Amino acid sequence: MDAGAIVAMLEYSSGKKAQVVGKPSAHFYALALADLQLKPEEVVMIGDDLETDVNGARQMDILAVLVKTGKFKEEDLEKHPVKPWRVIDSIADIKNIFI
């Protein structure tokens, strides 16, 4: 079960509509940038999910690196319309993309 069911329960029980702020919402990334006091061109998003991590970052013009761990599936990379800036096998490989 994900957060959707909990949000629906809270909406139903309170009679109010929730405003969910999380990935891939551009608002989520805007809040993170504001909190860090950084511009999109100063940030790299590293994640294992094309939709929430890469797509969300791309909406804010943030460079997105997809790491082949966790949720990563090779077929998603081939099918998904949003493409990452770089793809790495492990978070340890992040140092190699900036050389």
N, C-alpha and C. Protein backbone atom coordinates (compact mmCIF):
# COMPACT_ATOMS: atom_id res chain seq x y z
N MET A 1 0.85 -1.17 0.00
CA MET A 1 0.00 0.00 0.00
C MET A 1 0.90 1.23 0.00
N ASP A 2 0.51 2.21 -0.80
CA ASP A 2 1.26 3.45 -0.89
C ASP A 2 0.46 4.56 -0.21
N ALA A 3 0.96 5.77 -0.30
CA ALA A 3 0.35 6.91 0.38
C ALA A 3 -1.04 7.26 -0.15
N GLY A 4 -1.35 6.86 -1.39
CA GLY A 4 -2.63 7.21 -2.00
C GLY A 4 -3.83 6.78 -1.18
N ALA A 5 -3.79 5.57 -0.65
CA ALA A 5 -4.89 5.06 0.15
C ALA A 5 -5.05 5.86 1.45
N ILE A 6 -3.94 6.23 2.03
CA ILE A 6 -3.99 7.01 3.28
C ILE A 6 -4.53 8.41 3.00
N VAL A 7 -4.10 9.01 1.89
CA VAL A 7 -4.60 10.33 1.51
C VAL A 7 -6.11 10.26 1.28
N ALA A 8 -6.56 9.25 0.55
CA ALA A 8 -8.00 9.09 0.29
C ALA A 8 -8.78 8.96 1.59
N MET A 9 -8.25 8.19 2.54
CA MET A 9 -8.90 8.01 3.83
C MET A 9 -8.99 9.34 4.58
N LEU A 10 -7.91 10.09 4.56
CA LEU A 10 -7.91 11.38 5.25
C LEU A 10 -8.88 12.37 4.59
N GLU A 11 -8.91 12.37 3.27
CA GLU A 11 -9.85 13.24 2.56
C GLU A 11 -11.29 12.87 2.91
N TYR A 12 -11.58 11.58 2.86
CA TYR A 12 -12.94 11.10 3.15
C TYR A 12 -13.34 11.45 4.58
N SER A 13 -12.46 11.19 5.52
CA SER A 13 -12.81 11.40 6.92
C SER A 13 -12.89 12.87 7.31
N SER A 14 -12.10 13.71 6.63
CA SER A 14 -12.11 15.13 6.96
C SER A 14 -13.08 15.95 6.10
N GLY A 15 -13.46 15.37 4.95
CA GLY A 15 -14.33 16.12 4.03
C GLY A 15 -13.58 17.20 3.28
N LYS A 16 -12.28 17.14 3.30
CA LYS A 16 -11.44 18.16 2.63
C LYS A 16 -10.57 17.50 1.57
N LYS A 17 -10.22 18.28 0.57
CA LYS A 17 -9.35 17.81 -0.51
C LYS A 17 -7.89 18.06 -0.11
N ALA A 18 -7.08 17.03 -0.18
CA ALA A 18 -5.66 17.15 0.17
C ALA A 18 -4.86 17.77 -0.98
N GLN A 19 -3.83 18.51 -0.62
CA GLN A 19 -2.87 18.98 -1.61
C GLN A 19 -1.59 18.18 -1.35
N VAL A 20 -1.35 17.22 -2.21
CA VAL A 20 -0.20 16.35 -2.05
C VAL A 20 1.00 17.00 -2.74
N VAL A 21 2.08 17.12 -2.00
CA VAL A 21 3.31 17.69 -2.54
C VAL A 21 4.39 16.64 -2.42
N GLY A 22 4.78 16.10 -3.52
CA GLY A 22 5.81 15.07 -3.54
C GLY A 22 6.25 14.83 -4.97
N LYS A 23 7.23 13.97 -5.13
CA LYS A 23 7.73 13.67 -6.46
C LYS A 23 6.63 13.00 -7.27
N PRO A 24 6.45 13.33 -8.53
CA PRO A 24 7.24 14.16 -9.42
C PRO A 24 6.77 15.60 -9.54
N SER A 25 6.01 16.11 -8.59
CA SER A 25 5.49 17.46 -8.66
C SER A 25 6.62 18.50 -8.78
N ALA A 26 6.47 19.40 -9.75
CA ALA A 26 7.45 20.48 -9.91
C ALA A 26 7.49 21.33 -8.64
N HIS A 27 6.35 21.45 -7.97
CA HIS A 27 6.28 22.23 -6.72
C HIS A 27 7.19 21.63 -5.65
N PHE A 28 7.25 20.30 -5.59
CA PHE A 28 8.13 19.61 -4.65
C PHE A 28 9.59 20.01 -4.88
N TYR A 29 10.00 19.97 -6.15
CA TYR A 29 11.38 20.32 -6.50
C TYR A 29 11.64 21.81 -6.27
N ALA A 30 10.66 22.65 -6.56
CA ALA A 30 10.81 24.09 -6.32
C ALA A 30 11.02 24.37 -4.83
N LEU A 31 10.27 23.67 -3.98
CA LEU A 31 10.44 23.83 -2.53
C LEU A 31 11.83 23.39 -2.08
N ALA A 32 12.31 22.28 -2.64
CA ALA A 32 13.65 21.78 -2.28
C ALA A 32 14.72 22.79 -2.71
N LEU A 33 14.59 23.32 -3.93
CA LEU A 33 15.56 24.31 -4.41
C LEU A 33 15.54 25.56 -3.53
N ALA A 34 14.36 26.01 -3.18
CA ALA A 34 14.25 27.19 -2.32
C ALA A 34 14.88 26.93 -0.96
N ASP A 35 14.62 25.76 -0.40
CA ASP A 35 15.19 25.41 0.90
C ASP A 35 16.72 25.36 0.85
N LEU A 36 17.24 24.84 -0.24
CA LEU A 36 18.70 24.75 -0.41
C LEU A 36 19.33 26.06 -0.89
N GLN A 37 18.48 26.98 -1.31
CA GLN A 37 18.92 28.26 -1.87
C GLN A 37 19.83 28.03 -3.08
N LEU A 38 19.37 27.13 -3.97
CA LEU A 38 20.11 26.79 -5.17
C LEU A 38 19.22 26.95 -6.40
N LYS A 39 19.86 27.13 -7.53
CA LYS A 39 19.16 27.21 -8.82
C LYS A 39 19.18 25.83 -9.46
N PRO A 40 18.24 25.56 -10.36
CA PRO A 40 18.21 24.24 -11.02
C PRO A 40 19.54 23.84 -11.67
N GLU A 41 20.24 24.78 -12.24
CA GLU A 41 21.51 24.46 -12.90
C GLU A 41 22.64 24.14 -11.93
N GLU A 42 22.38 24.31 -10.63
CA GLU A 42 23.38 24.00 -9.60
C GLU A 42 23.14 22.65 -8.93
N VAL A 43 22.14 21.91 -9.44
CA VAL A 43 21.69 20.70 -8.76
C VAL A 43 21.69 19.51 -9.73
N VAL A 44 21.96 18.34 -9.21
CA VAL A 44 21.81 17.09 -9.94
C VAL A 44 20.91 16.19 -9.10
N MET A 45 19.86 15.67 -9.70
CA MET A 45 18.96 14.73 -9.04
C MET A 45 19.43 13.32 -9.38
N ILE A 46 19.64 12.50 -8.37
CA ILE A 46 20.04 11.11 -8.58
C ILE A 46 18.93 10.24 -8.03
N GLY A 47 18.38 9.37 -8.90
CA GLY A 47 17.30 8.51 -8.45
C GLY A 47 17.19 7.25 -9.26
N ASP A 48 16.34 6.35 -8.78
CA ASP A 48 16.19 5.04 -9.43
C ASP A 48 14.85 4.88 -10.13
N ASP A 49 14.06 5.95 -10.21
CA ASP A 49 12.73 5.87 -10.79
C ASP A 49 12.58 6.93 -11.88
N LEU A 50 12.26 6.48 -13.10
CA LEU A 50 12.13 7.41 -14.22
C LEU A 50 10.99 8.39 -14.03
N GLU A 51 9.88 7.94 -13.51
CA GLU A 51 8.72 8.83 -13.40
C GLU A 51 8.88 9.83 -12.27
N THR A 52 9.13 9.36 -11.07
CA THR A 52 9.15 10.28 -9.93
C THR A 52 10.45 11.07 -9.83
N ASP A 53 11.58 10.43 -10.06
CA ASP A 53 12.87 11.11 -9.88
C ASP A 53 13.28 11.88 -11.14
N VAL A 54 13.40 11.17 -12.24
CA VAL A 54 13.89 11.80 -13.48
C VAL A 54 12.87 12.78 -14.05
N ASN A 55 11.63 12.35 -14.19
CA ASN A 55 10.60 13.22 -14.75
C ASN A 55 10.40 14.46 -13.88
N GLY A 56 10.35 14.27 -12.58
CA GLY A 56 10.18 15.42 -11.69
C GLY A 56 11.31 16.42 -11.82
N ALA A 57 12.54 15.93 -11.85
CA ALA A 57 13.70 16.82 -11.99
C ALA A 57 13.69 17.54 -13.34
N ARG A 58 13.37 16.81 -14.39
CA ARG A 58 13.36 17.40 -15.74
C ARG A 58 12.33 18.51 -15.86
N GLN A 59 11.21 18.40 -15.11
CA GLN A 59 10.19 19.46 -15.12
C GLN A 59 10.77 20.78 -14.62
N MET A 60 11.79 20.71 -13.79
CA MET A 60 12.40 21.91 -13.23
C MET A 60 13.75 22.23 -13.87
N ASP A 61 14.06 21.58 -14.99
CA ASP A 61 15.34 21.77 -15.69
C ASP A 61 16.54 21.42 -14.82
N ILE A 62 16.37 20.39 -13.99
CA ILE A 62 17.45 19.87 -13.16
C ILE A 62 18.03 18.66 -13.88
N LEU A 63 19.35 18.56 -13.93
CA LEU A 63 19.98 17.37 -14.51
C LEU A 63 19.57 16.16 -13.70
N ALA A 64 19.18 15.09 -14.40
CA ALA A 64 18.71 13.89 -13.72
C ALA A 64 19.58 12.70 -14.09
N VAL A 65 20.09 12.02 -13.07
CA VAL A 65 20.91 10.83 -13.25
C VAL A 65 20.09 9.65 -12.74
N LEU A 66 19.95 8.64 -13.59
CA LEU A 66 19.24 7.43 -13.21
C LEU A 66 20.26 6.39 -12.77
N VAL A 67 20.06 5.84 -11.59
CA VAL A 67 20.96 4.82 -11.07
C VAL A 67 20.25 3.46 -11.16
N LYS A 68 20.98 2.46 -11.63
CA LYS A 68 20.40 1.14 -11.88
C LYS A 68 20.33 0.31 -10.59
N THR A 69 19.63 0.83 -9.61
CA THR A 69 19.41 0.11 -8.35
C THR A 69 17.95 0.30 -7.96
N GLY A 70 17.53 -0.30 -6.90
CA GLY A 70 16.18 -0.09 -6.38
C GLY A 70 15.09 -0.44 -7.37
N LYS A 71 14.30 0.54 -7.77
CA LYS A 71 13.15 0.34 -8.65
C LYS A 71 13.53 0.19 -10.13
N PHE A 72 14.77 0.46 -10.48
CA PHE A 72 15.18 0.48 -11.88
C PHE A 72 14.83 -0.81 -12.61
N LYS A 73 14.28 -0.64 -13.82
CA LYS A 73 14.03 -1.77 -14.72
C LYS A 73 14.49 -1.33 -16.11
N GLU A 74 15.30 -2.15 -16.75
CA GLU A 74 15.85 -1.82 -18.08
C GLU A 74 14.74 -1.50 -19.08
N GLU A 75 13.64 -2.25 -19.04
CA GLU A 75 12.56 -2.02 -20.00
C GLU A 75 11.90 -0.66 -19.80
N ASP A 76 11.88 -0.15 -18.57
CA ASP A 76 11.35 1.19 -18.33
C ASP A 76 12.18 2.25 -19.05
N LEU A 77 13.47 2.08 -19.04
CA LEU A 77 14.37 3.03 -19.71
C LEU A 77 14.09 3.07 -21.20
N GLU A 78 13.81 1.94 -21.78
CA GLU A 78 13.54 1.86 -23.22
C GLU A 78 12.18 2.44 -23.57
N LYS A 79 11.17 2.28 -22.71
CA LYS A 79 9.79 2.66 -23.01
C LYS A 79 9.41 4.07 -22.57
N HIS A 80 10.01 4.55 -21.51
CA HIS A 80 9.58 5.83 -20.92
C HIS A 80 9.96 7.00 -21.82
N PRO A 81 9.05 7.95 -22.03
CA PRO A 81 9.35 9.09 -22.91
C PRO A 81 10.39 10.06 -22.34
N VAL A 82 10.50 10.11 -21.02
CA VAL A 82 11.47 11.01 -20.38
C VAL A 82 12.79 10.27 -20.23
N LYS A 83 13.86 10.91 -20.68
CA LYS A 83 15.19 10.28 -20.62
C LYS A 83 16.08 11.02 -19.62
N PRO A 84 16.87 10.28 -18.87
CA PRO A 84 17.80 10.92 -17.93
C PRO A 84 18.98 11.53 -18.65
N TRP A 85 19.66 12.44 -17.97
CA TRP A 85 20.87 13.05 -18.50
C TRP A 85 21.97 12.00 -18.60
N ARG A 86 22.09 11.16 -17.57
CA ARG A 86 23.07 10.07 -17.53
C ARG A 86 22.45 8.87 -16.83
N VAL A 87 22.98 7.68 -17.11
CA VAL A 87 22.58 6.46 -16.43
C VAL A 87 23.85 5.85 -15.84
N ILE A 88 23.79 5.49 -14.55
CA ILE A 88 24.95 4.88 -13.89
C ILE A 88 24.52 3.57 -13.23
N ASP A 89 25.48 2.68 -13.04
CA ASP A 89 25.20 1.38 -12.42
C ASP A 89 25.04 1.47 -10.91
N SER A 90 25.77 2.37 -10.28
CA SER A 90 25.79 2.47 -8.83
C SER A 90 26.02 3.92 -8.43
N ILE A 91 25.57 4.29 -7.27
CA ILE A 91 25.80 5.65 -6.77
C ILE A 91 27.30 5.94 -6.67
N ALA A 92 28.10 4.91 -6.50
CA ALA A 92 29.55 5.09 -6.45
C ALA A 92 30.09 5.62 -7.77
N ASP A 93 29.35 5.42 -8.86
CA ASP A 93 29.79 5.88 -10.19
C ASP A 93 29.54 7.36 -10.44
N ILE A 94 28.91 8.05 -9.51
CA ILE A 94 28.58 9.47 -9.72
C ILE A 94 29.84 10.30 -9.95
N LYS A 95 30.93 9.93 -9.31
CA LYS A 95 32.18 10.70 -9.47
C LYS A 95 32.69 10.66 -10.90
N ASN A 96 32.38 9.60 -11.64
CA ASN A 96 32.87 9.44 -13.00
C ASN A 96 32.17 10.32 -14.03
N ILE A 97 30.99 10.81 -13.73
CA ILE A 97 30.27 11.60 -14.72
C ILE A 97 30.70 13.06 -14.73
N PHE A 98 31.43 13.49 -13.73
CA PHE A 98 31.87 14.87 -13.68
C PHE A 98 33.35 15.05 -14.00
N ILE A 99 33.99 14.00 -14.46
CA ILE A 99 35.42 14.07 -14.80
C ILE A 99 35.57 14.57 -16.20
